[in-house]
């Protein structure tokens, strides 16, 4: 079932769902979607509503965990296969964010590791995720690779909408998203699926998935 919802109510409803998950424990949440779908914006918007519900929240954009340029561009600056499989430093994200807030973890989270613009370490300081904290990791191509998320939110766009809303200098990434949909099909297992062909009119897709 697909249910139309306003952007503001979407934030409130997703925040409510997350706040009710694993009460008293830390929660690792993926907010997954192409940049045109706005995963970073949704994750940022969830922080205050979660805190208002008694769940400390930390937003960690996955863009702060890209690999060095020498590795990302090994096969060219606009290679969709490299973008799909080789841009995200999954080991760093797991080591510095996901494992520390998982069961038995220290709770010490590094908000960013690598600045892709300067191609240097960010030298960010560690922050502590309290008990019951929700850590929101936002970005693209986050699901299906074995990263240990407790809850997944996937923002899905039709191929036509993604094509229309992707910036001209990023259109070379479109084959990677098509491959993601074909090989991973995140909308079939994500815990929360939101259609955002038109960001002004999102729609919740009711699923029974857990991934």
Protein backbone atom coordinates (compact mmCIF):
# COMPACT_ATOMS: atom_id res chain seq x y z
CA UNK A 1 0.00 0.00 0.00
CA UNK A 2 1.25 3.49 -0.87
CA UNK A 3 0.14 6.33 1.37
CA UNK A 4 0.61 9.98 0.43
CA UNK A 5 2.02 12.17 3.19
CA UNK A 6 3.36 15.70 3.60
CA UNK A 7 7.10 16.22 4.05
CA UNK A 8 6.57 17.47 7.61
CA UNK A 9 4.39 14.51 8.57
CA UNK A 10 6.90 12.16 6.95
CA UNK A 11 9.60 13.41 9.31
CA UNK A 12 7.31 13.09 12.32
CA UNK A 13 6.14 9.60 11.40
CA UNK A 14 9.60 8.24 10.67
CA UNK A 15 10.92 9.83 13.88
CA UNK A 16 8.12 8.15 15.81
CA UNK A 17 8.92 4.77 14.31
CA UNK A 18 12.62 5.08 15.06
CA UNK A 19 12.03 6.34 18.60
CA UNK A 20 10.00 3.21 19.33
CA UNK A 21 12.74 0.84 18.12
CA UNK A 22 14.97 -0.85 20.72
CA UNK A 23 14.06 1.55 23.50
CA UNK A 24 16.99 2.03 25.86
CA UNK A 25 19.51 0.75 23.32
CA UNK A 26 21.58 2.46 20.64
CA UNK A 27 20.11 2.22 17.15
CA UNK A 28 22.00 2.24 13.84
CA UNK A 29 19.85 3.64 11.03
CA UNK A 30 20.59 3.85 7.31
CA UNK A 31 18.86 6.65 5.42
CA UNK A 32 19.56 5.48 1.90
CA UNK A 33 18.89 7.12 -1.45
CA UNK A 34 20.41 8.88 -4.41
CA UNK A 35 21.36 12.53 -3.75
CA UNK A 36 18.33 13.65 -5.76
CA UNK A 37 16.12 11.83 -3.25
CA UNK A 38 17.53 13.87 -0.34
CA UNK A 39 18.77 11.30 2.20
CA UNK A 40 21.06 13.80 3.95
CA UNK A 41 18.23 16.31 4.31
CA UNK A 42 15.83 13.72 5.75
CA UNK A 43 18.41 12.43 8.23
CA UNK A 44 19.21 15.98 9.37
CA UNK A 45 15.49 16.73 9.77
CA UNK A 46 15.03 13.68 12.01
CA UNK A 47 17.55 14.77 14.64
CA UNK A 48 15.43 17.26 16.58
CA UNK A 49 12.18 15.23 16.51
CA UNK A 50 14.08 12.22 17.83
CA UNK A 51 15.61 14.27 20.62
CA UNK A 52 12.16 15.60 21.47
CA UNK A 53 11.05 11.98 21.88
CA UNK A 54 13.88 11.27 24.32
CA UNK A 55 16.27 9.65 21.85
CA UNK A 56 19.64 11.41 21.47
CA UNK A 57 20.45 11.55 17.76
CA UNK A 58 23.67 11.86 15.76
CA UNK A 59 23.71 12.42 11.99
CA UNK A 60 26.67 10.93 10.13
CA UNK A 61 26.68 11.64 6.35
CA UNK A 62 28.33 8.77 4.52
CA UNK A 63 29.96 11.38 2.28
CA UNK A 64 32.47 11.84 5.09
CA UNK A 65 33.59 8.24 4.63
CA UNK A 66 34.57 8.13 0.99
CA UNK A 67 37.86 6.55 0.00
CA UNK A 68 40.84 8.64 -1.13
CA UNK A 69 40.72 10.06 -4.66
CA UNK A 70 43.54 7.78 -5.80
CA UNK A 71 41.27 4.82 -5.04
CA UNK A 72 37.96 6.32 -6.15
CA UNK A 73 39.36 7.45 -9.51
CA UNK A 74 41.60 4.47 -10.21
CA UNK A 75 39.49 3.59 -13.26
CA UNK A 76 38.48 7.15 -14.17
CA UNK A 77 36.60 10.00 -12.56
CA UNK A 78 33.26 9.01 -14.06
CA UNK A 79 33.27 5.21 -13.92
CA UNK A 80 29.84 4.05 -12.67
CA UNK A 81 31.13 0.61 -11.67
CA UNK A 82 33.81 2.13 -9.44
CA UNK A 83 31.21 4.49 -7.99
CA UNK A 84 28.94 1.54 -7.26
CA UNK A 85 31.46 -0.73 -5.60
CA UNK A 86 34.54 1.26 -4.66
CA UNK A 87 33.80 4.78 -3.45
CA UNK A 88 32.49 4.21 0.07
CA UNK A 89 35.02 3.27 2.74
CA UNK A 90 32.81 0.60 4.25
CA UNK A 91 35.55 -0.65 6.56
CA UNK A 92 36.08 2.85 7.96
CA UNK A 93 32.36 3.44 8.40
CA UNK A 94 31.98 0.15 10.20
CA UNK A 95 35.07 0.68 12.39
CA UNK A 96 34.41 4.30 13.35
CA UNK A 97 30.60 4.41 13.50
CA UNK A 98 28.62 1.21 13.22
CA UNK A 99 30.63 -1.17 15.39
CA UNK A 100 31.11 1.35 18.25
CA UNK A 101 27.34 1.88 18.52
CA UNK A 102 26.54 -1.80 18.09
CA UNK A 103 26.15 -4.34 20.90
CA UNK A 104 29.07 -4.10 23.30
CA UNK A 105 30.53 -1.11 21.46
CA UNK A 106 32.31 1.81 23.10
CA UNK A 107 29.80 4.41 21.86
CA UNK A 108 32.64 6.61 20.53
CA UNK A 109 31.65 7.79 17.05
CA UNK A 110 33.78 9.60 14.50
CA UNK A 111 31.37 11.89 12.56
CA UNK A 112 33.62 12.02 9.48
CA UNK A 113 36.88 10.47 8.35
CA UNK A 114 37.79 11.84 4.92
CA UNK A 115 37.10 15.15 3.15
CA UNK A 116 36.49 14.23 -0.49
CA UNK A 117 36.93 17.85 -1.62
CA UNK A 118 40.38 18.43 -0.11
CA UNK A 119 41.24 14.71 -0.29
CA UNK A 120 42.55 14.79 3.26
CA UNK A 121 41.55 13.40 6.62
CA UNK A 122 38.95 15.62 8.30
CA UNK A 123 40.58 15.35 11.73
CA UNK A 124 37.12 15.37 13.25
CA UNK A 125 36.86 14.71 16.96
CA UNK A 126 35.07 11.73 18.42
CA UNK A 127 31.64 12.17 19.97
CA UNK A 128 29.93 9.86 22.42
CA UNK A 129 26.63 8.26 21.51
CA UNK A 130 24.72 7.89 24.78
CA UNK A 131 22.66 4.86 25.63
CA UNK A 132 19.45 4.96 23.56
CA UNK A 133 21.07 7.16 20.90
CA UNK A 134 19.95 6.93 17.30
CA UNK A 135 22.83 7.19 14.83
CA UNK A 136 21.58 8.20 11.38
CA UNK A 137 23.94 7.33 8.52
CA UNK A 138 22.76 8.98 5.30
CA UNK A 139 23.91 8.53 1.74
CA UNK A 140 23.62 6.43 -1.38
CA UNK A 141 24.14 2.71 -2.06
CA UNK A 142 24.26 1.87 1.65
CA UNK A 143 22.19 -1.32 1.69
CA UNK A 144 22.84 -4.86 0.58
CA UNK A 145 26.57 -4.84 1.28
CA UNK A 146 26.51 -6.26 4.78
CA UNK A 147 26.85 -3.05 6.80
CA UNK A 148 25.29 -3.70 10.22
CA UNK A 149 22.28 -1.39 10.31
CA UNK A 150 19.45 -2.07 12.72
CA UNK A 151 16.85 -0.15 10.71
CA UNK A 152 16.92 0.90 7.07
CA UNK A 153 15.04 3.79 5.46
CA UNK A 154 15.15 3.78 1.66
CA UNK A 155 14.13 6.73 -0.50
CA UNK A 156 13.13 5.43 -3.90
CA UNK A 157 12.62 7.30 -7.18
CA UNK A 158 11.44 6.03 -10.52
CA UNK A 159 14.11 5.85 -13.20
CA UNK A 160 12.46 8.76 -15.01
CA UNK A 161 12.35 10.95 -11.90
CA UNK A 162 15.95 10.13 -11.00
CA UNK A 163 17.04 10.93 -14.54
CA UNK A 164 15.15 14.22 -14.44
CA UNK A 165 16.38 15.35 -11.02
CA UNK A 166 20.02 14.28 -11.17
CA UNK A 167 22.43 17.18 -11.77
CA UNK A 168 24.08 17.27 -15.18
CA UNK A 169 27.56 16.69 -13.76
CA UNK A 170 26.32 13.58 -11.91
CA UNK A 171 24.42 11.89 -14.71
CA UNK A 172 27.27 9.46 -15.23
CA UNK A 173 26.22 7.84 -11.91
CA UNK A 174 22.78 6.81 -13.22
CA UNK A 175 23.91 3.34 -14.39
CA UNK A 176 25.13 2.65 -10.85
CA UNK A 177 21.68 3.35 -9.42
CA UNK A 178 20.07 1.17 -12.08
CA UNK A 179 22.45 -1.62 -11.10
CA UNK A 180 21.62 -1.07 -7.41
CA UNK A 181 17.91 -1.45 -8.10
CA UNK A 182 18.50 -4.59 -10.19
CA UNK A 183 21.02 -6.35 -7.96
CA UNK A 184 20.09 -5.19 -4.45
CA UNK A 185 16.44 -4.09 -4.83
CA UNK A 186 16.48 -2.21 -1.50
CA UNK A 187 12.80 -1.30 -1.73
CA UNK A 188 11.95 -4.98 -1.28
CA UNK A 189 13.50 -5.30 2.18
CA UNK A 190 14.06 -1.87 3.74
CA UNK A 191 12.10 -1.27 6.94
CA UNK A 192 10.78 2.10 5.76
CA UNK A 193 10.34 2.84 2.05
CA UNK A 194 9.43 6.31 0.84
CA UNK A 195 8.66 7.26 -2.76
CA UNK A 196 10.05 10.72 -3.54
CA UNK A 197 9.54 11.20 -7.26
CA UNK A 198 8.28 14.64 -6.24
CA UNK A 199 9.91 15.73 -2.95
CA UNK A 200 6.92 18.00 -2.26
CA UNK A 201 4.62 14.98 -2.25
CA UNK A 202 6.34 11.95 -0.70
CA UNK A 203 4.51 8.68 -0.17
CA UNK A 204 5.12 5.94 2.38
CA UNK A 205 5.18 2.41 1.01
CA UNK A 206 3.89 -0.03 3.58
CA UNK A 207 6.09 -3.14 3.56
CA UNK A 208 6.75 -6.10 5.78
CA UNK A 209 10.46 -6.03 5.15
CA UNK A 210 13.28 -6.12 7.61
CA UNK A 211 16.77 -5.50 6.24
